Amino acid sequence: MMKLNSLIVSLIVSLAAGPANAILRGGDLVNNGGGIAEKNVLYAYEKLDKYIQICVKSDSCKLTERQRGLLQQIVQNMPQEKAGKQLFFASETKAPGTFIIDDLVRVAKTGSTVGSPIYINSDLLYTKSEAEGYDPVSIPEAVAILVHEMGHHYGNYSHEELDLLGVRVSLLLQQKFISTPLIPWNSEISATVFNPNLSSSFPEVLLNVGDDVIDISAEYKDQVACVGLTVPIPILPIPDLELLNKKPIASILHNVHWSKFKEKDNELSVMITGNVSNNCVYKTNIGIRNNALRSISHSVW
């Protein structure tokens, strides 16, 4: 049994100040300098062990035993990898030769031991779009880069082997990511949703505004709830209706789209709407998708 719950995110951006100055109440603003691509790499790095494990546990990743073993090594040693500052951004254009390996300009480079610094070539994190702008590297693409570089820390793997492994992890993640730009082919303002599992997890919900990444995942999880069960006609004897827990054990956000554009006093107000399906558990431990009409709203200005 599935019912759809409406989630509304209200976004207000100052046209004069520019969307890069947006602040979100109730959300987590990821602002570590650099552009949106650099922030996507940083976000992918923070979640890398989680993303890798999704691939390891899924038959859809089509891993060989050698590939699976390498990914498991990366996950097991992630605390050592992150013991100190590990990610650095640099430019091949500004420092020629920095990223040239085997006579080719690479998107990243690293050493051969656990915890070695990983240097990312910021020149290759953006590609020119059809709208004459520049598209940043996505989170799944950033995961492919990081898996490749981490792989160099665990043995003599070729670039071709690590490219293939990174792509396999990335392709599975792309199936679970939904990216919705405000304007087609323009990533200046967009929403990104990652649904890891349909029955046992909650989505990651990110708003991209200019060069800022705003994480509202925690607030989303806090707001969603299951509805109670009602019986329209009394029936005797009255059955036990204390069946539904208040909080779902999992949720997915889907059918995300932008609507209700309004411009006033140098401010653009837009709304993003999506459907929420919650996994609610009864006393019988039968999970269903069930939700009431609710909404949560956020303001960015």
C-alpha atoms as a PDB file:
ATOM      1  CA  MET A   1       0.000   0.000   0.000  1.00  0.00           C
ATOM      2  CA  MET A   2       1.627   3.254  -1.102  1.00  0.00           C
ATOM      3  CA  LYS A   3       0.484   6.823  -0.623  1.00  0.00           C
ATOM      4  CA  LEU A   4       2.393   9.946  -1.568  1.00  0.00           C
ATOM      5  CA  ASN A   5       3.319  12.700   0.805  1.00  0.00           C
ATOM      6  CA  SER A   6       3.990  16.236  -0.446  1.00  0.00           C
ATOM      7  CA  LEU A   7       7.284  17.862   0.603  1.00  0.00           C
ATOM      8  CA  ILE A   8       7.745  21.541  -0.190  1.00  0.00           C
ATOM      9  CA  VAL A   9      11.070  23.382  -0.098  1.00  0.00           C
ATOM     10  CA  SER A  10      10.793  27.136  -0.506  1.00  0.00           C
ATOM     11  CA  LEU A  11      13.864  28.870  -1.909  1.00  0.00           C
ATOM     12  CA  ILE A  12      14.310  32.656  -1.882  1.00  0.00           C
ATOM     13  CA  VAL A  13      17.412  34.014  -3.604  1.00  0.00           C
ATOM     14  CA  SER A  14      18.505  37.637  -3.780  1.00  0.00           C
ATOM     15  CA  LEU A  15      19.016  38.645  -7.404  1.00  0.00           C
ATOM     16  CA  ALA A  16      21.182  41.589  -6.381  1.00  0.00           C
ATOM     17  CA  ALA A  17      23.490  39.733  -4.019  1.00  0.00           C
ATOM     18  CA  GLY A  18      23.615  36.554  -6.103  1.00  0.00           C
ATOM     19  CA  PRO A  19      22.739  32.983  -5.119  1.00  0.00           C
ATOM     20  CA  ALA A  20      26.217  32.271  -3.773  1.00  0.00           C
ATOM     21  CA  ASN A  21      25.326  34.269  -0.643  1.00  0.00           C
ATOM     22  CA  ALA A  22      22.391  32.035   0.284  1.00  0.00           C
ATOM     23  CA  ILE A  23      21.925  30.873   3.867  1.00  0.00           C
ATOM     24  CA  LEU A  24      19.496  28.170   4.999  1.00  0.00           C
ATOM     25  CA  ARG A  25      17.757  28.055   8.378  1.00  0.00           C
ATOM     26  CA  GLY A  26      17.686  24.518   9.701  1.00  0.00           C
ATOM     27  CA  GLY A  27      20.122  23.189   7.158  1.00  0.00           C
ATOM     28  CA  ASP A  28      23.851  22.530   7.111  1.00  0.00           C
ATOM     29  CA  LEU A  29      25.786  24.869   4.816  1.00  0.00           C
ATOM     30  CA  VAL A  30      28.868  23.176   3.368  1.00  0.00           C
ATOM     31  CA  ASN A  31      31.179  26.110   2.632  1.00  0.00           C
ATOM     32  CA  ASN A  32      34.867  25.241   2.451  1.00  0.00           C
ATOM     33  CA  GLY A  33      35.953  27.587  -0.311  1.00  0.00           C
ATOM     34  CA  GLY A  34      36.133  26.873  -4.017  1.00  0.00           C
ATOM     35  CA  GLY A  35      33.280  26.194  -6.410  1.00  0.00           C
ATOM     36  CA  ILE A  36      30.484  23.663  -6.483  1.00  0.00           C
ATOM     37  CA  ALA A  37      32.672  20.966  -8.070  1.00  0.00           C
ATOM     38  CA  GLU A  38      35.226  21.205  -5.269  1.00  0.00           C
ATOM     39  CA  LYS A  39      32.408  20.956  -2.733  1.00  0.00           C
ATOM     40  CA  ASN A  40      30.999  17.902  -4.497  1.00  0.00           C
ATOM     41  CA  VAL A  41      34.419  16.266  -4.216  1.00  0.00           C
ATOM     42  CA  LEU A  42      34.591  17.129  -0.513  1.00  0.00           C
ATOM     43  CA  TYR A  43      31.084  15.784   0.080  1.00  0.00           C
ATOM     44  CA  ALA A  44      31.889  12.571  -1.813  1.00  0.00           C
ATOM     45  CA  TYR A  45      35.042  12.194   0.283  1.00  0.00           C
ATOM     46  CA  GLU A  46      33.091  12.492   3.546  1.00  0.00           C
ATOM     47  CA  LYS A  47      30.591   9.837   2.416  1.00  0.00           C
ATOM     48  CA  LEU A  48      33.026   7.636   0.483  1.00  0.00           C
ATOM     49  CA  ASP A  49      32.972   4.571   2.752  1.00  0.00           C
ATOM     50  CA  LYS A  50      29.150   4.583   2.722  1.00  0.00           C
ATOM     51  CA  TYR A  51      29.016   4.868  -1.078  1.00  0.00           C
ATOM     52  CA  ILE A  52      31.592   2.109  -1.557  1.00  0.00           C
ATOM     53  CA  GLN A  53      29.715  -0.264   0.737  1.00  0.00           C
ATOM     54  CA  ILE A  54      26.540   0.211  -1.306  1.00  0.00           C
ATOM     55  CA  CYS A  55      28.445  -1.103  -4.314  1.00  0.00           C
ATOM     56  CA  VAL A  56      30.111  -3.944  -2.389  1.00  0.00           C
ATOM     57  CA  LYS A  57      26.732  -5.197  -1.142  1.00  0.00           C
ATOM     58  CA  SER A  58      24.990  -4.936  -4.514  1.00  0.00           C
ATOM     59  CA  ASP A  59      25.085  -7.550  -7.274  1.00  0.00           C
ATOM     60  CA  SER A  60      24.363  -4.693  -9.703  1.00  0.00           C
ATOM     61  CA  CYS A  61      27.939  -3.451  -9.275  1.00  0.00           C
ATOM     62  CA  LYS A  62      29.181  -6.646 -10.996  1.00  0.00           C
ATOM     63  CA  LEU A  63      32.451  -6.735  -9.057  1.00  0.00           C
ATOM     64  CA  THR A  64      35.151  -9.337  -9.504  1.00  0.00           C
ATOM     65  CA  GLU A  65      36.662 -10.807  -6.326  1.00  0.00           C
ATOM     66  CA  ARG A  66      39.791  -8.710  -6.900  1.00  0.00           C
ATOM     67  CA  GLN A  67      37.728  -5.537  -7.182  1.00  0.00           C
ATOM     68  CA  ARG A  68      35.588  -6.393  -4.161  1.00  0.00           C
ATOM     69  CA  GLY A  69      38.693  -7.090  -2.077  1.00  0.00           C
ATOM     70  CA  LEU A  70      40.211  -3.728  -2.963  1.00  0.00           C
ATOM     71  CA  LEU A  71      37.023  -1.828  -2.101  1.00  0.00           C
ATOM     72  CA  GLN A  72      36.814  -3.641   1.237  1.00  0.00           C
ATOM     73  CA  GLN A  73      40.412  -2.657   1.994  1.00  0.00           C
ATOM     74  CA  ILE A  74      39.604   0.985   1.278  1.00  0.00           C
ATOM     75  CA  VAL A  75      36.582   0.923   3.611  1.00  0.00           C
ATOM     76  CA  GLN A  76      38.459  -0.866   6.413  1.00  0.00           C
ATOM     77  CA  ASN A  77      41.314   1.630   6.311  1.00  0.00           C
ATOM     78  CA  MET A  78      39.208   4.773   5.932  1.00  0.00           C
ATOM     79  CA  PRO A  79      39.931   5.975   9.506  1.00  0.00           C
ATOM     80  CA  GLN A  80      43.670   5.874   8.712  1.00  0.00           C
ATOM     81  CA  GLU A  81      43.099   7.567   5.366  1.00  0.00           C
ATOM     82  CA  LYS A  82      41.255  10.418   7.076  1.00  0.00           C
ATOM     83  CA  ALA A  83      43.538  10.701  10.104  1.00  0.00           C
ATOM     84  CA  GLY A  84      44.982  13.942   8.735  1.00  0.00           C
ATOM     85  CA  LYS A  85      44.159  16.430   5.995  1.00  0.00           C
ATOM     86  CA  GLN A  86      44.238  14.389   2.806  1.00  0.00           C
ATOM     87  CA  LEU A  87      42.465  16.308   0.021  1.00  0.00           C
ATOM     88  CA  PHE A  88      44.137  19.218  -1.760  1.00  0.00           C
ATOM     89  CA  PHE A  89      43.102  21.175  -4.851  1.00  0.00           C
ATOM     90  CA  ALA A  90      45.588  22.565  -7.348  1.00  0.00           C
ATOM     91  CA  SER A  91      45.681  23.765 -10.963  1.00  0.00           C
ATOM     92  CA  GLU A  92      47.720  22.286 -13.798  1.00  0.00           C
ATOM     93  CA  THR A  93      47.347  25.583 -15.659  1.00  0.00           C
ATOM     94  CA  LYS A  94      48.861  27.583 -12.815  1.00  0.00           C
ATOM     95  CA  ALA A  95      51.565  25.015 -12.067  1.00  0.00           C
ATOM     96  CA  PRO A  96      52.409  23.184 -15.334  1.00  0.00           C
ATOM     97  CA  GLY A  97      53.579  19.619 -14.847  1.00  0.00           C
ATOM     98  CA  THR A  98      51.831  19.084 -11.500  1.00  0.00           C
ATOM     99  CA  PHE A  99      49.350  16.553 -12.881  1.00  0.00           C
ATOM    100  CA  ILE A 100      51.255  15.086 -15.823  1.00  0.00           C
ATOM    101  CA  ILE A 101      51.627  11.308 -15.382  1.00  0.00           C
ATOM    102  CA  ASP A 102      52.767   9.050 -18.237  1.00  0.00           C
ATOM    103  CA  ASP A 103      52.705  12.115 -20.521  1.00  0.00           C
ATOM    104  CA  LEU A 104      49.005  12.679 -19.826  1.00  0.00           C
ATOM    105  CA  VAL A 105      47.303  15.388 -17.782  1.00  0.00           C
ATOM    106  CA  ARG A 106      45.418  13.606 -14.981  1.00  0.00           C
ATOM    107  CA  VAL A 107      42.428  14.739 -12.930  1.00  0.00           C
ATOM    108  CA  ALA A 108      44.161  13.688  -9.707  1.00  0.00           C
ATOM    109  CA  LYS A 109      47.315  12.146  -8.248  1.00  0.00           C
ATOM    110  CA  THR A 110      48.408  10.529  -4.996  1.00  0.00           C
ATOM    111  CA  GLY A 111      51.119   8.384  -3.396  1.00  0.00           C
ATOM    112  CA  SER A 112      51.263   4.633  -2.832  1.00  0.00           C
ATOM    113  CA  THR A 113      50.656   4.350   0.924  1.00  0.00           C
ATOM    114  CA  VAL A 114      47.565   4.592   3.120  1.00  0.00           C
ATOM    115  CA  GLY A 115      46.906   8.205   4.091  1.00  0.00           C
ATOM    116  CA  SER A 116      48.918   9.675   1.193  1.00  0.00           C
ATOM    117  CA  PRO A 117      47.701  13.142   0.170  1.00  0.00           C
ATOM    118  CA  ILE A 118      45.323  13.220  -2.794  1.00  0.00           C
ATOM    119  CA  TYR A 119      45.736  16.194  -5.129  1.00  0.00           C
ATOM    120  CA  ILE A 120      42.768  17.114  -7.343  1.00  0.00           C
ATOM    121  CA  ASN A 121      43.247  19.023 -10.603  1.00  0.00           C
ATOM    122  CA  SER A 122      40.594  21.732 -10.372  1.00  0.00           C
ATOM    123  CA  ASP A 123      41.041  22.532 -14.079  1.00  0.00           C
ATOM    124  CA  LEU A 124      39.304  19.268 -15.002  1.00  0.00           C
ATOM    125  CA  LEU A 125      36.398  19.508 -12.550  1.00  0.00           C
ATOM    126  CA  TYR A 126      34.280  21.620 -14.904  1.00  0.00           C
ATOM    127  CA  THR A 127      33.134  21.026 -18.486  1.00  0.00           C
ATOM    128  CA  LYS A 128      31.523  23.536 -20.825  1.00  0.00           C
ATOM    129  CA  SER A 129      27.769  23.036 -21.047  1.00  0.00           C
ATOM    130  CA  GLU A 130      25.307  23.472 -23.910  1.00  0.00           C
ATOM    131  CA  ALA A 131      24.060  26.621 -22.192  1.00  0.00           C
ATOM    132  CA  GLU A 132      27.522  28.217 -22.541  1.00  0.00           C
ATOM    133  CA  GLY A 133      28.183  27.752 -18.844  1.00  0.00           C
ATOM    134  CA  TYR A 134      30.266  25.168 -17.009  1.00  0.00           C
ATOM    135  CA  ASP A 135      28.954  21.975 -15.445  1.00  0.00           C
ATOM    136  CA  PRO A 136      30.690  20.858 -12.234  1.00  0.00           C
ATOM    137  CA  VAL A 137      31.735  17.271 -11.634  1.00  0.00           C
ATOM    138  CA  SER A 138      28.845  15.461  -9.931  1.00  0.00           C
ATOM    139  CA  ILE A 139      29.043  13.567  -6.635  1.00  0.00           C
ATOM    140  CA  PRO A 140      29.014  10.128  -8.367  1.00  0.00           C
ATOM    141  CA  GLU A 141      31.776  11.314 -10.727  1.00  0.00           C
ATOM    142  CA  ALA A 142      33.770  12.587  -7.746  1.00  0.00           C
ATOM    143  CA  VAL A 143      33.394   9.146  -6.130  1.00  0.00           C
ATOM    144  CA  ALA A 144      34.922   7.539  -9.242  1.00  0.00           C
ATOM    145  CA  ILE A 145      37.930   9.880  -8.972  1.00  0.00           C
ATOM    146  CA  LEU A 146      38.419   9.175  -5.268  1.00  0.00           C
ATOM    147  CA  VAL A 147      38.061   5.392  -5.613  1.00  0.00           C
ATOM    148  CA  HIS A 148      40.731   5.471  -8.326  1.00  0.00           C
ATOM    149  CA  GLU A 149      43.139   7.470  -6.173  1.00  0.00           C
ATOM    150  CA  MET A 150      42.487   5.460  -3.012  1.00  0.00           C
ATOM    151  CA  GLY A 151      43.162   2.290  -4.985  1.00  0.00           C
ATOM    152  CA  HIS A 152      46.761   3.378  -5.532  1.00  0.00           C
ATOM    153  CA  HIS A 153      47.302   3.056  -1.765  1.00  0.00           C
ATOM    154  CA  TYR A 154      46.744  -0.705  -1.748  1.00  0.00           C
ATOM    155  CA  GLY A 155      49.001  -2.289  -4.333  1.00  0.00           C
ATOM    156  CA  ASN A 156      50.251  -2.158  -7.870  1.00  0.00           C
ATOM    157  CA  TYR A 157      46.974  -1.543  -9.705  1.00  0.00           C
ATOM    158  CA  SER A 158      47.039  -0.047 -13.197  1.00  0.00           C
ATOM    159  CA  HIS A 159      45.233   3.172 -14.082  1.00  0.00           C
ATOM    160  CA  GLU A 160      42.938   1.145 -16.357  1.00  0.00           C
ATOM    161  CA  GLU A 161      41.942  -1.210 -13.513  1.00  0.00           C
ATOM    162  CA  LEU A 162      41.224   1.657 -11.155  1.00  0.00           C
ATOM    163  CA  ASP A 163      39.331   3.618 -13.819  1.00  0.00           C
ATOM    164  CA  LEU A 164      37.029   0.630 -14.346  1.00  0.00           C
ATOM    165  CA  LEU A 165      36.503   0.135 -10.621  1.00  0.00           C
ATOM    166  CA  GLY A 166      35.707   3.806 -10.051  1.00  0.00           C
ATOM    167  CA  VAL A 167      33.234   3.790 -12.933  1.00  0.00           C
ATOM    168  CA  ARG A 168      31.432   0.720 -11.560  1.00  0.00           C
ATOM    169  CA  VAL A 169      30.906   2.363  -8.171  1.00  0.00           C
ATOM    170  CA  SER A 170      29.901   5.631  -9.831  1.00  0.00           C
ATOM    171  CA  LEU A 171      27.374   4.068 -12.226  1.00  0.00           C
ATOM    172  CA  LEU A 172      25.510   2.369  -9.377  1.00  0.00           C
ATOM    173  CA  LEU A 173      25.362   5.657  -7.450  1.00  0.00           C
ATOM    174  CA  GLN A 174      24.071   7.518 -10.518  1.00  0.00           C
ATOM    175  CA  GLN A 175      21.036   5.219 -10.523  1.00  0.00           C
ATOM    176  CA  LYS A 176      20.236   6.353  -6.974  1.00  0.00           C
ATOM    177  CA  PHE A 177      20.929  10.084  -7.425  1.00  0.00           C
ATOM    178  CA  ILE A 178      18.295  12.495  -8.731  1.00  0.00           C
ATOM    179  CA  SER A 179      19.498  15.931  -9.822  1.00  0.00           C
ATOM    180  CA  THR A 180      16.938  18.630 -10.647  1.00  0.00           C
ATOM    181  CA  PRO A 181      18.258  22.005 -11.896  1.00  0.00           C
ATOM    182  CA  LEU A 182      16.071  25.085 -11.706  1.00  0.00           C
ATOM    183  CA  ILE A 183      16.909  25.841 -15.353  1.00  0.00           C
ATOM    184  CA  PRO A 184      17.747  22.987 -17.762  1.00  0.00           C
ATOM    185  CA  TRP A 185      21.479  22.593 -18.475  1.00  0.00           C
ATOM    186  CA  ASN A 186      22.319  25.070 -15.731  1.00  0.00           C
ATOM    187  CA  SER A 187      23.527  23.896 -12.318  1.00  0.00           C
ATOM    188  CA  GLU A 188      23.576  27.335 -10.633  1.00  0.00           C
ATOM    189  CA  ILE A 189      20.509  26.388  -8.568  1.00  0.00           C
ATOM    190  CA  SER A 190      19.567  22.726  -8.271  1.00  0.00           C
ATOM    191  CA  ALA A 191      18.415  20.012  -5.895  1.00  0.00           C
ATOM    192  CA  THR A 192      20.137  16.654  -5.508  1.00  0.00           C
ATOM    193  CA  VAL A 193      18.527  13.652  -3.824  1.00  0.00           C
ATOM    194  CA  PHE A 194      20.254  10.361  -3.055  1.00  0.00           C
ATOM    195  CA  ASN A 195      18.020   7.409  -2.119  1.00  0.00           C
ATOM    196  CA  PRO A 196      20.423   4.694  -0.871  1.00  0.00           C
ATOM    197  CA  ASN A 197      17.884   1.968  -0.141  1.00  0.00           C
ATOM    198  CA  LEU A 198      14.138   1.757  -0.596  1.00  0.00           C
ATOM    199  CA  SER A 199      13.418  -0.135   2.614  1.00  0.00           C
ATOM    200  CA  SER A 200      16.024   0.648   5.276  1.00  0.00           C
ATOM    201  CA  SER A 201      17.453   4.159   4.918  1.00  0.00           C
ATOM    202  CA  PHE A 202      16.649   7.851   4.537  1.00  0.00           C
ATOM    203  CA  PRO A 203      17.638  10.037   1.585  1.00  0.00           C
ATOM    204  CA  GLU A 204      20.388  12.612   1.419  1.00  0.00           C
ATOM    205  CA  VAL A 205      18.839  15.910   0.297  1.00  0.00           C
ATOM    206  CA  LEU A 206      21.130  18.676  -0.952  1.00  0.00           C
ATOM    207  CA  LEU A 207      20.382  22.126  -2.346  1.00  0.00           C
ATOM    208  CA  ASN A 208      23.028  23.633  -4.638  1.00  0.00           C
ATOM    209  CA  VAL A 209      22.890  27.428  -4.667  1.00  0.00           C
ATOM    210  CA  GLY A 210      25.717  29.101  -6.549  1.00  0.00           C
ATOM    211  CA  ASP A 211      28.911  27.755  -4.966  1.00  0.00           C
ATOM    212  CA  ASP A 212      27.151  26.578  -1.795  1.00  0.00           C
ATOM    213  CA  VAL A 213      25.934  23.081  -0.948  1.00  0.00           C
ATOM    214  CA  ILE A 214      23.123  23.100   1.632  1.00  0.00           C
ATOM    215  CA  ASP A 215      22.446  19.762   3.307  1.00  0.00           C
ATOM    216  CA  ILE A 216      18.875  19.388   4.631  1.00  0.00           C
ATOM    217  CA  SER A 217      19.047  15.588   5.073  1.00  0.00           C
ATOM    218  CA  ALA A 218      18.807  15.696   8.879  1.00  0.00           C
ATOM    219  CA  GLU A 219      15.841  18.036   8.804  1.00  0.00           C
ATOM    220  CA  TYR A 220      14.086  15.870   6.213  1.00  0.00           C
ATOM    221  CA  LYS A 221      14.510  12.787   8.422  1.00  0.00           C
ATOM    222  CA  ASP A 222      13.227  14.682  11.448  1.00  0.00           C
ATOM    223  CA  GLN A 223      10.093  15.910   9.656  1.00  0.00           C
ATOM    224  CA  VAL A 224       8.781  12.774   7.940  1.00  0.00           C
ATOM    225  CA  ALA A 225       6.272  10.690   9.878  1.00  0.00           C
ATOM    226  CA  CYS A 226       3.783   7.857   9.457  1.00  0.00           C
ATOM    227  CA  VAL A 227       0.045   8.472   9.664  1.00  0.00           C
ATOM    228  CA  GLY A 228      -2.363   6.808  12.046  1.00  0.00           C
ATOM    229  CA  LEU A 229      -4.895   4.214  11.008  1.00  0.00           C
ATOM    230  CA  THR A 230      -8.574   5.238  10.957  1.00  0.00           C
ATOM    231  CA  VAL A 231     -11.768   3.190  10.633  1.00  0.00           C
ATOM    232  CA  PRO A 232     -14.658   5.182   9.063  1.00  0.00           C
ATOM    233  CA  ILE A 233     -17.440   2.897  10.332  1.00  0.00           C
ATOM    234  CA  PRO A 234     -17.375   1.491  13.902  1.00  0.00           C
ATOM    235  CA  ILE A 235     -17.235  -2.299  13.951  1.00  0.00           C
ATOM    236  CA  LEU A 236     -17.713  -4.383  17.092  1.00  0.00           C
ATOM    237  CA  PRO A 237     -15.709  -5.807  18.658  1.00  0.00           C
ATOM    238  CA  ILE A 238     -13.253  -2.925  18.141  1.00  0.00           C
ATOM    239  CA  PRO A 239      -9.923  -4.287  16.868  1.00  0.00           C
ATOM    240  CA  ASP A 240      -6.526  -3.270  18.244  1.00  0.00           C
ATOM    241  CA  LEU A 241      -5.676  -0.154  16.259  1.00  0.00           C
ATOM    242  CA  GLU A 242      -2.349   0.668  17.994  1.00  0.00           C
ATOM    243  CA  LEU A 243      -0.554  -0.685  15.000  1.00  0.00           C
ATOM    244  CA  LEU A 244       1.560   2.065  13.504  1.00  0.00           C
ATOM    245  CA  ASN A 245       4.810   3.571  14.809  1.00  0.00           C
ATOM    246  CA  LYS A 246       5.011   7.335  14.563  1.00  0.00           C
ATOM    247  CA  LYS A 247       8.374   7.468  12.810  1.00  0.00           C
ATOM    248  CA  PRO A 248       9.129   5.496   9.640  1.00  0.00           C
ATOM    249  CA  ILE A 249      12.100   3.138   9.487  1.00  0.00           C
ATOM    250  CA  ALA A 250      12.950   4.399   6.007  1.00  0.00           C
ATOM    251  CA  SER A 251      11.861   6.950   3.444  1.00  0.00           C
ATOM    252  CA  ILE A 252      12.417   7.887  -0.189  1.00  0.00           C
ATOM    253  CA  LEU A 253      12.052  11.268  -1.915  1.00  0.00           C
ATOM    254  CA  HIS A 254      11.138  11.179  -5.591  1.00  0.00           C
ATOM    255  CA  ASN A 255       9.377  13.044  -8.425  1.00  0.00           C
ATOM    256  CA  VAL A 256      11.249  16.216  -7.469  1.00  0.00           C
ATOM    257  CA  HIS A 257      10.420  19.305  -9.533  1.00  0.00           C
ATOM    258  CA  TRP A 258      10.486  23.112  -9.367  1.00  0.00           C
ATOM    259  CA  SER A 259       7.347  25.286  -9.366  1.00  0.00           C
ATOM    260  CA  LYS A 260       5.800  28.632  -8.332  1.00  0.00           C
ATOM    261  CA  PHE A 261       8.296  31.210  -9.569  1.00  0.00           C
ATOM    262  CA  LYS A 262       7.870  34.719  -8.137  1.00  0.00           C
ATOM    263  CA  GLU A 263      10.078  37.785  -8.528  1.00  0.00           C
ATOM    264  CA  LYS A 264       9.796  40.862  -6.306  1.00  0.00           C
ATOM    265  CA  ASP A 265      12.176  43.541  -5.004  1.00  0.00           C
ATOM    266  CA  ASN A 266      15.314  41.940  -6.465  1.00  0.00           C
ATOM    267  CA  GLU A 267      14.412  38.581  -4.964  1.00  0.00           C
ATOM    268  CA  LEU A 268      13.491  35.414  -6.819  1.00  0.00           C
ATOM    269  CA  SER A 269      11.231  33.056  -4.895  1.00  0.00           C
ATOM    270  CA  VAL A 270      10.941  29.501  -6.184  1.00  0.00           C
ATOM    271  CA  MET A 271       9.543  26.299  -4.749  1.00  0.00           C
ATOM    272  CA  ILE A 272      10.683  22.725  -5.153  1.00  0.00           C
ATOM    273  CA  THR A 273       8.178  19.938  -4.592  1.00  0.00           C
ATOM    274  CA  GLY A 274       8.533  16.177  -4.392  1.00  0.00           C
ATOM    275  CA  ASN A 275       6.789  13.015  -3.252  1.00  0.00           C
ATOM    276  CA  VAL A 276       7.721  11.260  -0.024  1.00  0.00           C
ATOM    277  CA  SER A 277       7.120   7.550   0.477  1.00  0.00           C
ATOM    278  CA  ASN A 278       7.688   6.291   4.012  1.00  0.00           C
ATOM    279  CA  ASN A 279       8.274   2.736   5.169  1.00  0.00           C
ATOM    280  CA  CYS A 280       6.045   2.334   8.224  1.00  0.00           C
ATOM    281  CA  VAL A 281       6.064  -0.725  10.477  1.00  0.00           C
ATOM    282  CA  TYR A 282       3.010  -2.297  12.127  1.00  0.00           C
ATOM    283  CA  LYS A 283       3.020  -4.556  15.180  1.00  0.00           C
ATOM    284  CA  THR A 284       2.955  -7.454  12.778  1.00  0.00           C
ATOM    285  CA  ASN A 285       6.324  -6.207  11.437  1.00  0.00           C
ATOM    286  CA  ILE A 286       4.849  -5.793   7.978  1.00  0.00           C
ATOM    287  CA  GLY A 287       6.404  -2.768   6.336  1.00  0.00           C
ATOM    288  CA  ILE A 288       4.288  -0.636   4.025  1.00  0.00           C
ATOM    289  CA  ARG A 289       4.639   2.682   2.279  1.00  0.00           C
ATOM    290  CA  ASN A 290       2.172   4.978   3.961  1.00  0.00           C
ATOM    291  CA  ASN A 291       2.101   8.692   4.543  1.00  0.00           C
ATOM    292  CA  ALA A 292      -0.213  11.624   5.127  1.00  0.00           C
ATOM    293  CA  LEU A 293      -0.289  14.979   3.405  1.00  0.00           C
ATOM    294  CA  ARG A 294       2.384  17.023   5.171  1.00  0.00           C
ATOM    295  CA  SER A 295       4.895  19.623   4.174  1.00  0.00           C
ATOM    296  CA  ILE A 296       8.115  21.087   5.482  1.00  0.00           C
ATOM    297  CA  SER A 297       9.485  24.349   4.236  1.00  0.00           C
ATOM    298  CA  HIS A 298      12.848  26.100   4.256  1.00  0.00           C
ATOM    299  CA  SER A 299      13.815  29.591   3.242  1.00  0.00           C
ATOM    300  CA  VAL A 300      17.019  30.707   1.560  1.00  0.00           C
ATOM    301  CA  TRP A 301      17.665  34.356   0.930  1.00  0.00           C
END
